[in-house]
Amino acid sequence: MNVWEQQLILKVRAGSQAYGLAGPHSDEDSRGVCIPPKQALLGLQTFEQHEDAKSDHVVFGLPKFIRLALEGNPNLIETLFTEDVLFINEYGQRLVENREIFLSRKVAERFGHYAISQLKRLENHHRWWAHPPQQPVPPALNAQGKADFPNQQARLAFDQATKEWNHYQRWLRERNSARAELERQFGYDTKHAMHLCRLLKMGEEILGTGQVLVRRPDADWLKGVRQGSFRYEELLSWARAREEGLRQMREASPLPEEPDTSRAEQLLMEIQESYFWPGS
């Protein structure tokens, strides 16, 4: 048995299933935490995480998990607060019982940052869908066999157009067929939009109440977003207003500015020491 199975301390359901947003074709994602092998803590080995692409399952070593949780990583914060627990033992229970030490205004900022990343991706794909870029035509070659640009600005413009063309071609090759159908039907990727809205609303909840509501109380509304309830321009307006609202809420939030790094480090040492040296 591998270390990520033998020394597993926590495993939760993740993604749309955990949010209560799953459709008939949604994946069964899961996320876990394990104690790294003793050789990785005291010797020359290293272990940070294991990913099983076949089953959409990732397991983090406890030190990396705590580092990322202290940074406010939304996926790992959700792992600590979800009610959809598939496995937990006494060590995982100690981790979950102390989850509040990871909450800070930084967490809400990271949720907002992830949301805006989704928004930028959605805007970019909408632009490509509405106005596909054209492959740039290279200039004629000079006597030395090199591209003959009239000036540096023309060279930079050609390089930028080529870069965008290559990104566009990769997007066409790799995009999910179901996502392509959403774009054809609604003019933008409504699944991206759903998660954009979820992240922004979770950021507001965390800043306002200190709660991380993984299973969404607004699941019906979010599913409506997935089904195209927003026109594209309405979605952009809604998201930009929520982004500004997060900035305003930050100052009044009851959460501390930073997570409790000292307590998190102490917790990490206590769990690993009690795992390998019980009773010490």
C-alpha atoms as a PDB file:
ATOM      1  CA  MET A   1       0.000   0.000   0.000  1.00  0.00           C
ATOM      2  CA  ASN A   2       1.296   3.473  -0.890  1.00  0.00           C
ATOM      3  CA  VAL A   3       1.978   6.139   1.720  1.00  0.00           C
ATOM      4  CA  TRP A   4      -0.891   8.311   0.455  1.00  0.00           C
ATOM      5  CA  GLU A   5      -3.238   5.427   1.207  1.00  0.00           C
ATOM      6  CA  GLN A   6      -1.594   3.895   4.281  1.00  0.00           C
ATOM      7  CA  GLN A   7      -1.006   7.217   6.055  1.00  0.00           C
ATOM      8  CA  LEU A   8      -4.133   9.016   4.891  1.00  0.00           C
ATOM      9  CA  ILE A   9      -5.724  11.131   7.633  1.00  0.00           C
ATOM     10  CA  LEU A  10      -8.490  12.928   5.726  1.00  0.00           C
ATOM     11  CA  LYS A  11     -10.366  12.437   2.465  1.00  0.00           C
ATOM     12  CA  VAL A  12     -13.266  14.560   1.257  1.00  0.00           C
ATOM     13  CA  ARG A  13     -15.464  14.822  -1.786  1.00  0.00           C
ATOM     14  CA  ALA A  14     -14.521  17.870  -3.871  1.00  0.00           C
ATOM     15  CA  GLY A  15     -15.718  19.905  -6.823  1.00  0.00           C
ATOM     16  CA  SER A  16     -19.307  20.182  -8.036  1.00  0.00           C
ATOM     17  CA  GLN A  17     -20.398  17.139  -6.021  1.00  0.00           C
ATOM     18  CA  ALA A  18     -19.313  18.833  -2.790  1.00  0.00           C
ATOM     19  CA  TYR A  19     -20.890  22.158  -3.778  1.00  0.00           C
ATOM     20  CA  GLY A  20     -24.253  20.535  -4.518  1.00  0.00           C
ATOM     21  CA  LEU A  21     -23.924  21.684  -8.133  1.00  0.00           C
ATOM     22  CA  ALA A  22     -23.305  18.361  -9.853  1.00  0.00           C
ATOM     23  CA  GLY A  23     -24.971  17.509 -13.121  1.00  0.00           C
ATOM     24  CA  PRO A  24     -25.513  14.060 -14.641  1.00  0.00           C
ATOM     25  CA  HIS A  25     -22.030  14.059 -16.173  1.00  0.00           C
ATOM     26  CA  SER A  26     -20.070  15.664 -13.327  1.00  0.00           C
ATOM     27  CA  ASP A  27     -16.836  14.015 -12.230  1.00  0.00           C
ATOM     28  CA  GLU A  28     -16.362  12.399  -8.819  1.00  0.00           C
ATOM     29  CA  ASP A  29     -13.470  14.489  -7.509  1.00  0.00           C
ATOM     30  CA  SER A  30     -11.858  13.973  -4.128  1.00  0.00           C
ATOM     31  CA  ARG A  31      -9.058  15.518  -2.117  1.00  0.00           C
ATOM     32  CA  GLY A  32      -7.044  14.133   0.765  1.00  0.00           C
ATOM     33  CA  VAL A  33      -4.292  14.740   3.300  1.00  0.00           C
ATOM     34  CA  CYS A  34      -1.695  12.243   4.449  1.00  0.00           C
ATOM     35  CA  ILE A  35       1.277  12.106   6.788  1.00  0.00           C
ATOM     36  CA  PRO A  36       4.438  11.986   4.650  1.00  0.00           C
ATOM     37  CA  PRO A  37       6.792   9.037   5.147  1.00  0.00           C
ATOM     38  CA  LYS A  38       9.254   9.400   8.002  1.00  0.00           C
ATOM     39  CA  GLN A  39      12.090   9.465   5.451  1.00  0.00           C
ATOM     40  CA  ALA A  40      10.603  12.639   3.946  1.00  0.00           C
ATOM     41  CA  LEU A  41      10.530  14.342   7.343  1.00  0.00           C
ATOM     42  CA  LEU A  42      13.912  13.189   8.700  1.00  0.00           C
ATOM     43  CA  GLY A  43      15.817  11.812   5.719  1.00  0.00           C
ATOM     44  CA  LEU A  44      16.556  12.552   2.095  1.00  0.00           C
ATOM     45  CA  GLN A  45      13.227  11.667   0.536  1.00  0.00           C
ATOM     46  CA  THR A  46      10.620  14.229  -0.420  1.00  0.00           C
ATOM     47  CA  PHE A  47       6.848  13.983  -0.626  1.00  0.00           C
ATOM     48  CA  GLU A  48       4.459  16.838  -1.333  1.00  0.00           C
ATOM     49  CA  GLN A  49       1.464  15.360  -3.107  1.00  0.00           C
ATOM     50  CA  HIS A  50       0.119  12.484  -5.168  1.00  0.00           C
ATOM     51  CA  GLU A  51      -2.315  12.901  -8.053  1.00  0.00           C
ATOM     52  CA  ASP A  52      -4.407  10.094  -9.462  1.00  0.00           C
ATOM     53  CA  ALA A  53      -5.680  11.406 -12.797  1.00  0.00           C
ATOM     54  CA  LYS A  54      -7.806   8.308 -13.431  1.00  0.00           C
ATOM     55  CA  SER A  55      -9.953   8.917 -10.377  1.00  0.00           C
ATOM     56  CA  ASP A  56      -9.619  12.744 -10.129  1.00  0.00           C
ATOM     57  CA  HIS A  57      -8.100  12.353  -6.669  1.00  0.00           C
ATOM     58  CA  VAL A  58      -5.223  14.327  -5.165  1.00  0.00           C
ATOM     59  CA  VAL A  59      -3.588  13.766  -1.763  1.00  0.00           C
ATOM     60  CA  PHE A  60      -1.375  16.408  -0.151  1.00  0.00           C
ATOM     61  CA  GLY A  61       1.324  15.737   2.377  1.00  0.00           C
ATOM     62  CA  LEU A  62       0.374  17.483   5.613  1.00  0.00           C
ATOM     63  CA  PRO A  63       3.209  20.093   5.544  1.00  0.00           C
ATOM     64  CA  LYS A  64       2.334  21.230   2.020  1.00  0.00           C
ATOM     65  CA  PHE A  65      -1.373  21.189   2.837  1.00  0.00           C
ATOM     66  CA  ILE A  66      -0.837  23.492   5.814  1.00  0.00           C
ATOM     67  CA  ARG A  67       1.438  25.839   3.855  1.00  0.00           C
ATOM     68  CA  LEU A  68      -1.168  26.224   1.110  1.00  0.00           C
ATOM     69  CA  ALA A  69      -4.032  26.569   3.583  1.00  0.00           C
ATOM     70  CA  LEU A  70      -2.124  29.381   5.322  1.00  0.00           C
ATOM     71  CA  GLU A  71      -1.897  31.106   1.937  1.00  0.00           C
ATOM     72  CA  GLY A  72      -5.690  30.920   1.667  1.00  0.00           C
ATOM     73  CA  ASN A  73      -5.822  28.425  -1.198  1.00  0.00           C
ATOM     74  CA  PRO A  74      -9.581  27.993  -1.810  1.00  0.00           C
ATOM     75  CA  ASN A  75      -9.409  24.271  -2.612  1.00  0.00           C
ATOM     76  CA  LEU A  76      -7.640  23.467   0.642  1.00  0.00           C
ATOM     77  CA  ILE A  77      -9.760  25.786   2.762  1.00  0.00           C
ATOM     78  CA  GLU A  78     -12.811  23.986   1.345  1.00  0.00           C
ATOM     79  CA  THR A  79     -11.218  20.644   2.279  1.00  0.00           C
ATOM     80  CA  LEU A  80     -11.163  21.738   5.922  1.00  0.00           C
ATOM     81  CA  PHE A  81     -14.730  23.052   5.977  1.00  0.00           C
ATOM     82  CA  THR A  82     -16.704  20.658   3.807  1.00  0.00           C
ATOM     83  CA  GLU A  83     -19.243  18.353   5.434  1.00  0.00           C
ATOM     84  CA  ASP A  84     -18.775  15.796   2.657  1.00  0.00           C
ATOM     85  CA  VAL A  85     -16.123  13.721   4.462  1.00  0.00           C
ATOM     86  CA  LEU A  86     -15.288  10.304   3.013  1.00  0.00           C
ATOM     87  CA  PHE A  87     -12.631   9.305   5.553  1.00  0.00           C
ATOM     88  CA  ILE A  88     -11.181  10.844   8.697  1.00  0.00           C
ATOM     89  CA  ASN A  89      -9.147   9.479  11.604  1.00  0.00           C
ATOM     90  CA  GLU A  90      -7.965  11.005  14.865  1.00  0.00           C
ATOM     91  CA  TYR A  91      -5.181  12.958  13.140  1.00  0.00           C
ATOM     92  CA  GLY A  92      -7.476  14.328  10.474  1.00  0.00           C
ATOM     93  CA  GLN A  93      -9.958  15.201  13.191  1.00  0.00           C
ATOM     94  CA  ARG A  94      -7.334  17.295  15.002  1.00  0.00           C
ATOM     95  CA  LEU A  95      -6.630  19.119  11.758  1.00  0.00           C
ATOM     96  CA  VAL A  96     -10.308  19.869  11.107  1.00  0.00           C
ATOM     97  CA  GLU A  97     -10.968  20.871  14.725  1.00  0.00           C
ATOM     98  CA  ASN A  98      -8.327  23.578  14.361  1.00  0.00           C
ATOM     99  CA  ARG A  99      -9.435  24.843  10.950  1.00  0.00           C
ATOM    100  CA  GLU A 100     -10.326  28.305  12.244  1.00  0.00           C
ATOM    101  CA  ILE A 101      -6.637  29.179  12.607  1.00  0.00           C
ATOM    102  CA  PHE A 102      -6.342  29.227   8.809  1.00  0.00           C
ATOM    103  CA  LEU A 103      -9.069  31.837   8.308  1.00  0.00           C
ATOM    104  CA  SER A 104      -8.098  35.426   7.636  1.00  0.00           C
ATOM    105  CA  ARG A 105      -8.910  38.238   5.265  1.00  0.00           C
ATOM    106  CA  LYS A 106      -6.289  36.700   3.004  1.00  0.00           C
ATOM    107  CA  VAL A 107      -8.613  33.722   2.409  1.00  0.00           C
ATOM    108  CA  ALA A 108     -11.381  35.928   1.044  1.00  0.00           C
ATOM    109  CA  GLU A 109      -8.840  37.739  -1.124  1.00  0.00           C
ATOM    110  CA  ARG A 110      -7.727  34.451  -2.627  1.00  0.00           C
ATOM    111  CA  PHE A 111     -11.319  33.434  -3.365  1.00  0.00           C
ATOM    112  CA  GLY A 112     -11.768  36.783  -5.083  1.00  0.00           C
ATOM    113  CA  HIS A 113      -8.494  36.368  -6.971  1.00  0.00           C
ATOM    114  CA  TYR A 114      -9.542  32.937  -8.238  1.00  0.00           C
ATOM    115  CA  ALA A 115     -12.881  34.412  -9.295  1.00  0.00           C
ATOM    116  CA  ILE A 116     -11.298  37.228 -11.284  1.00  0.00           C
ATOM    117  CA  SER A 117      -8.980  34.702 -12.937  1.00  0.00           C
ATOM    118  CA  GLN A 118     -12.101  32.832 -14.030  1.00  0.00           C
ATOM    119  CA  LEU A 119     -13.597  36.095 -15.288  1.00  0.00           C
ATOM    120  CA  LYS A 120     -10.518  36.969 -17.348  1.00  0.00           C
ATOM    121  CA  ARG A 121     -10.476  33.494 -18.866  1.00  0.00           C
ATOM    122  CA  LEU A 122     -14.175  33.736 -19.647  1.00  0.00           C
ATOM    123  CA  GLU A 123     -13.702  37.171 -21.283  1.00  0.00           C
ATOM    124  CA  ASN A 124     -10.784  35.907 -23.346  1.00  0.00           C
ATOM    125  CA  HIS A 125     -12.683  32.862 -24.590  1.00  0.00           C
ATOM    126  CA  HIS A 126     -15.750  34.962 -25.356  1.00  0.00           C
ATOM    127  CA  ARG A 127     -13.582  37.285 -27.421  1.00  0.00           C
ATOM    128  CA  TRP A 128     -12.146  34.347 -29.346  1.00  0.00           C
ATOM    129  CA  TRP A 129     -15.608  32.890 -29.835  1.00  0.00           C
ATOM    130  CA  ALA A 130     -17.133  36.167 -31.054  1.00  0.00           C
ATOM    131  CA  HIS A 131     -14.125  37.396 -33.034  1.00  0.00           C
ATOM    132  CA  PRO A 132     -11.719  34.548 -33.862  1.00  0.00           C
ATOM    133  CA  PRO A 133      -8.177  35.829 -34.353  1.00  0.00           C
ATOM    134  CA  GLN A 134      -6.584  35.554 -37.785  1.00  0.00           C
ATOM    135  CA  GLN A 135      -3.266  33.867 -38.330  1.00  0.00           C
ATOM    136  CA  PRO A 136      -0.673  36.630 -38.720  1.00  0.00           C
ATOM    137  CA  VAL A 137       1.067  36.799 -42.091  1.00  0.00           C
ATOM    138  CA  PRO A 138       4.839  36.904 -41.701  1.00  0.00           C
ATOM    139  CA  PRO A 139       6.677  39.674 -43.547  1.00  0.00           C
ATOM    140  CA  ALA A 140       8.885  39.070 -46.539  1.00  0.00           C
ATOM    141  CA  LEU A 141      12.440  37.896 -45.920  1.00  0.00           C
ATOM    142  CA  ASN A 142      15.401  40.167 -46.428  1.00  0.00           C
ATOM    143  CA  ALA A 143      18.618  39.273 -48.220  1.00  0.00           C
ATOM    144  CA  GLN A 144      19.892  37.461 -45.143  1.00  0.00           C
ATOM    145  CA  GLY A 145      16.783  35.265 -45.008  1.00  0.00           C
ATOM    146  CA  LYS A 146      15.338  36.986 -41.925  1.00  0.00           C
ATOM    147  CA  ALA A 147      11.911  38.570 -41.480  1.00  0.00           C
ATOM    148  CA  ASP A 148      12.067  42.150 -42.726  1.00  0.00           C
ATOM    149  CA  PHE A 149      10.070  44.275 -40.261  1.00  0.00           C
ATOM    150  CA  PRO A 150       9.831  48.017 -40.983  1.00  0.00           C
ATOM    151  CA  ASN A 151      10.399  48.822 -37.291  1.00  0.00           C
ATOM    152  CA  GLN A 152      10.531  47.341 -33.784  1.00  0.00           C
ATOM    153  CA  GLN A 153       6.877  48.119 -33.129  1.00  0.00           C
ATOM    154  CA  ALA A 154       5.845  46.026 -36.125  1.00  0.00           C
ATOM    155  CA  ARG A 155       7.986  43.148 -34.876  1.00  0.00           C
ATOM    156  CA  LEU A 156       6.419  43.297 -31.410  1.00  0.00           C
ATOM    157  CA  ALA A 157       2.909  43.421 -32.891  1.00  0.00           C
ATOM    158  CA  PHE A 158       3.646  40.378 -35.042  1.00  0.00           C
ATOM    159  CA  ASP A 159       5.070  38.459 -32.067  1.00  0.00           C
ATOM    160  CA  GLN A 160       1.999  39.291 -29.950  1.00  0.00           C
ATOM    161  CA  ALA A 161      -0.398  38.273 -32.722  1.00  0.00           C
ATOM    162  CA  THR A 162       1.487  35.005 -33.197  1.00  0.00           C
ATOM    163  CA  LYS A 163       1.354  34.293 -29.466  1.00  0.00           C
ATOM    164  CA  GLU A 164      -2.403  34.875 -29.377  1.00  0.00           C
ATOM    165  CA  TRP A 165      -2.919  32.756 -32.488  1.00  0.00           C
ATOM    166  CA  ASN A 166      -1.029  29.864 -30.898  1.00  0.00           C
ATOM    167  CA  HIS A 167      -3.069  30.171 -27.678  1.00  0.00           C
ATOM    168  CA  TYR A 168      -6.258  30.240 -29.720  1.00  0.00           C
ATOM    169  CA  GLN A 169      -5.263  27.121 -31.646  1.00  0.00           C
ATOM    170  CA  ARG A 170      -4.424  25.272 -28.417  1.00  0.00           C
ATOM    171  CA  TRP A 171      -7.791  26.329 -26.965  1.00  0.00           C
ATOM    172  CA  LEU A 172      -9.574  24.940 -30.021  1.00  0.00           C
ATOM    173  CA  ARG A 173      -7.699  21.635 -29.726  1.00  0.00           C
ATOM    174  CA  GLU A 174      -8.079  21.162 -25.991  1.00  0.00           C
ATOM    175  CA  ARG A 175     -11.421  22.683 -25.028  1.00  0.00           C
ATOM    176  CA  ASN A 176     -14.084  20.381 -23.714  1.00  0.00           C
ATOM    177  CA  SER A 177     -16.824  19.621 -26.226  1.00  0.00           C
ATOM    178  CA  ALA A 178     -19.521  20.314 -23.630  1.00  0.00           C
ATOM    179  CA  ARG A 179     -17.959  23.726 -22.920  1.00  0.00           C
ATOM    180  CA  ALA A 180     -17.887  24.448 -26.652  1.00  0.00           C
ATOM    181  CA  GLU A 181     -21.603  23.704 -26.817  1.00  0.00           C
ATOM    182  CA  LEU A 182     -22.278  26.120 -23.942  1.00  0.00           C
ATOM    183  CA  GLU A 183     -20.392  28.842 -25.805  1.00  0.00           C
ATOM    184  CA  ARG A 184     -22.336  28.125 -28.980  1.00  0.00           C
ATOM    185  CA  GLN A 185     -25.646  28.212 -27.104  1.00  0.00           C
ATOM    186  CA  PHE A 186     -25.087  31.181 -24.766  1.00  0.00           C
ATOM    187  CA  GLY A 187     -22.142  33.063 -26.229  1.00  0.00           C
ATOM    188  CA  TYR A 188     -19.916  32.308 -23.228  1.00  0.00           C
ATOM    189  CA  ASP A 189     -18.929  29.419 -20.966  1.00  0.00           C
ATOM    190  CA  THR A 190     -21.710  29.315 -18.387  1.00  0.00           C
ATOM    191  CA  LYS A 191     -19.932  26.681 -16.305  1.00  0.00           C
ATOM    192  CA  HIS A 192     -17.010  29.069 -15.830  1.00  0.00           C
ATOM    193  CA  ALA A 193     -19.596  31.722 -14.973  1.00  0.00           C
ATOM    194  CA  MET A 194     -21.198  29.516 -12.319  1.00  0.00           C
ATOM    195  CA  HIS A 195     -17.887  28.972 -10.529  1.00  0.00           C
ATOM    196  CA  LEU A 196     -16.995  32.644 -10.904  1.00  0.00           C
ATOM    197  CA  CYS A 197     -20.238  33.570  -9.102  1.00  0.00           C
ATOM    198  CA  ARG A 198     -19.719  30.877  -6.453  1.00  0.00           C
ATOM    199  CA  LEU A 199     -16.212  32.090  -5.633  1.00  0.00           C
ATOM    200  CA  LEU A 200     -17.281  35.725  -5.336  1.00  0.00           C
ATOM    201  CA  LYS A 201     -20.214  34.871  -3.079  1.00  0.00           C
ATOM    202  CA  MET A 202     -18.049  32.618  -0.908  1.00  0.00           C
ATOM    203  CA  GLY A 203     -15.519  35.438  -0.577  1.00  0.00           C
ATOM    204  CA  GLU A 204     -18.309  37.722   0.656  1.00  0.00           C
ATOM    205  CA  GLU A 205     -19.534  35.129   3.146  1.00  0.00           C
ATOM    206  CA  ILE A 206     -16.047  34.544   4.528  1.00  0.00           C
ATOM    207  CA  LEU A 207     -15.355  38.259   4.965  1.00  0.00           C
ATOM    208  CA  GLY A 208     -18.792  39.015   6.393  1.00  0.00           C
ATOM    209  CA  THR A 209     -19.375  36.064   8.689  1.00  0.00           C
ATOM    210  CA  GLY A 210     -16.182  34.002   8.864  1.00  0.00           C
ATOM    211  CA  GLN A 211     -18.127  31.026   7.482  1.00  0.00           C
ATOM    212  CA  VAL A 212     -16.989  28.781   4.630  1.00  0.00           C
ATOM    213  CA  LEU A 213     -20.161  27.313   3.128  1.00  0.00           C
ATOM    214  CA  VAL A 214     -18.912  24.631   0.777  1.00  0.00           C
ATOM    215  CA  ARG A 215     -22.282  23.017   0.082  1.00  0.00           C
ATOM    216  CA  ARG A 216     -23.980  25.958  -1.489  1.00  0.00           C
ATOM    217  CA  PRO A 217     -27.209  27.307   0.019  1.00  0.00           C
ATOM    218  CA  ASP A 218     -27.675  29.168  -3.278  1.00  0.00           C
ATOM    219  CA  ALA A 219     -27.250  26.030  -5.397  1.00  0.00           C
ATOM    220  CA  ASP A 220     -30.468  26.591  -7.370  1.00  0.00           C
ATOM    221  CA  TRP A 221     -29.420  30.134  -8.273  1.00  0.00           C
ATOM    222  CA  LEU A 222     -25.940  28.953  -9.290  1.00  0.00           C
ATOM    223  CA  LYS A 223     -27.423  26.176 -11.416  1.00  0.00           C
ATOM    224  CA  GLY A 224     -29.491  28.869 -13.084  1.00  0.00           C
ATOM    225  CA  VAL A 225     -26.279  30.705 -13.937  1.00  0.00           C
ATOM    226  CA  ARG A 226     -24.985  27.435 -15.399  1.00  0.00           C
ATOM    227  CA  GLN A 227     -28.144  27.298 -17.519  1.00  0.00           C
ATOM    228  CA  GLY A 228     -27.596  30.800 -18.904  1.00  0.00           C
ATOM    229  CA  SER A 229     -29.713  33.022 -16.630  1.00  0.00           C
ATOM    230  CA  PHE A 230     -27.236  35.904 -17.129  1.00  0.00           C
ATOM    231  CA  ARG A 231     -26.718  37.643 -20.418  1.00  0.00           C
ATOM    232  CA  TYR A 232     -22.976  38.036 -20.984  1.00  0.00           C
ATOM    233  CA  GLU A 233     -22.969  41.792 -20.332  1.00  0.00           C
ATOM    234  CA  GLU A 234     -25.075  41.314 -17.179  1.00  0.00           C
ATOM    235  CA  LEU A 235     -22.602  38.761 -15.859  1.00  0.00           C
ATOM    236  CA  LEU A 236     -19.651  41.109 -16.356  1.00  0.00           C
ATOM    237  CA  SER A 237     -21.484  43.938 -14.587  1.00  0.00           C
ATOM    238  CA  TRP A 238     -22.519  41.692 -11.686  1.00  0.00           C
ATOM    239  CA  ALA A 239     -19.008  40.289 -11.260  1.00  0.00           C
ATOM    240  CA  ARG A 240     -17.289  43.677 -11.354  1.00  0.00           C
ATOM    241  CA  ALA A 241     -19.695  45.050  -8.742  1.00  0.00           C
ATOM    242  CA  ARG A 242     -19.053  42.053  -6.463  1.00  0.00           C
ATOM    243  CA  GLU A 243     -15.310  42.424  -6.921  1.00  0.00           C
ATOM    244  CA  GLU A 244     -15.527  46.038  -5.763  1.00  0.00           C
ATOM    245  CA  GLY A 245     -17.810  44.983  -2.902  1.00  0.00           C
ATOM    246  CA  LEU A 246     -15.175  42.536  -1.651  1.00  0.00           C
ATOM    247  CA  ARG A 247     -12.633  45.347  -1.429  1.00  0.00           C
ATOM    248  CA  GLN A 248     -15.044  47.442   0.609  1.00  0.00           C
ATOM    249  CA  MET A 249     -16.010  44.560   2.924  1.00  0.00           C
ATOM    250  CA  ARG A 250     -12.402  43.774   3.701  1.00  0.00           C
ATOM    251  CA  GLU A 251     -11.923  46.657   6.124  1.00  0.00           C
ATOM    252  CA  ALA A 252     -15.008  45.787   8.184  1.00  0.00           C
ATOM    253  CA  SER A 253     -14.378  42.038   8.295  1.00  0.00           C
ATOM    254  CA  PRO A 254     -14.217  40.349  11.722  1.00  0.00           C
ATOM    255  CA  LEU A 255     -11.401  38.147  10.464  1.00  0.00           C
ATOM    256  CA  PRO A 256      -7.754  38.823  11.348  1.00  0.00           C
ATOM    257  CA  GLU A 257      -5.451  40.281   8.745  1.00  0.00           C
ATOM    258  CA  GLU A 258      -3.304  37.135   8.628  1.00  0.00           C
ATOM    259  CA  PRO A 259      -3.823  33.495   9.646  1.00  0.00           C
ATOM    260  CA  ASP A 260      -2.268  32.174  12.855  1.00  0.00           C
ATOM    261  CA  THR A 261       0.945  30.795  11.394  1.00  0.00           C
ATOM    262  CA  SER A 262       2.495  29.968  14.762  1.00  0.00           C
ATOM    263  CA  ARG A 263      -0.449  27.835  15.863  1.00  0.00           C
ATOM    264  CA  ALA A 264      -0.559  26.151  12.454  1.00  0.00           C
ATOM    265  CA  GLU A 265       3.111  25.228  12.692  1.00  0.00           C
ATOM    266  CA  GLN A 266       2.610  23.915  16.222  1.00  0.00           C
ATOM    267  CA  LEU A 267      -0.357  21.865  15.035  1.00  0.00           C
ATOM    268  CA  LEU A 268       1.708  20.410  12.198  1.00  0.00           C
ATOM    269  CA  MET A 269       4.481  19.315  14.555  1.00  0.00           C
ATOM    270  CA  GLU A 270       2.064  17.899  17.113  1.00  0.00           C
ATOM    271  CA  ILE A 271       0.180  15.782  14.574  1.00  0.00           C
ATOM    272  CA  GLN A 272       3.332  14.383  12.982  1.00  0.00           C
ATOM    273  CA  GLU A 273       5.029  13.716  16.309  1.00  0.00           C
ATOM    274  CA  SER A 274       1.987  11.929  17.710  1.00  0.00           C
ATOM    275  CA  TYR A 275       1.674   9.893  14.508  1.00  0.00           C
ATOM    276  CA  PHE A 276       5.248   8.600  14.515  1.00  0.00           C
ATOM    277  CA  TRP A 277       6.027   8.802  18.242  1.00  0.00           C
ATOM    278  CA  PRO A 278       2.721   8.262  20.113  1.00  0.00           C
ATOM    279  CA  GLY A 279       2.971   8.961  23.810  1.00  0.00           C
ATOM    280  CA  SER A 280       6.161  10.991  23.488  1.00  0.00           C
END
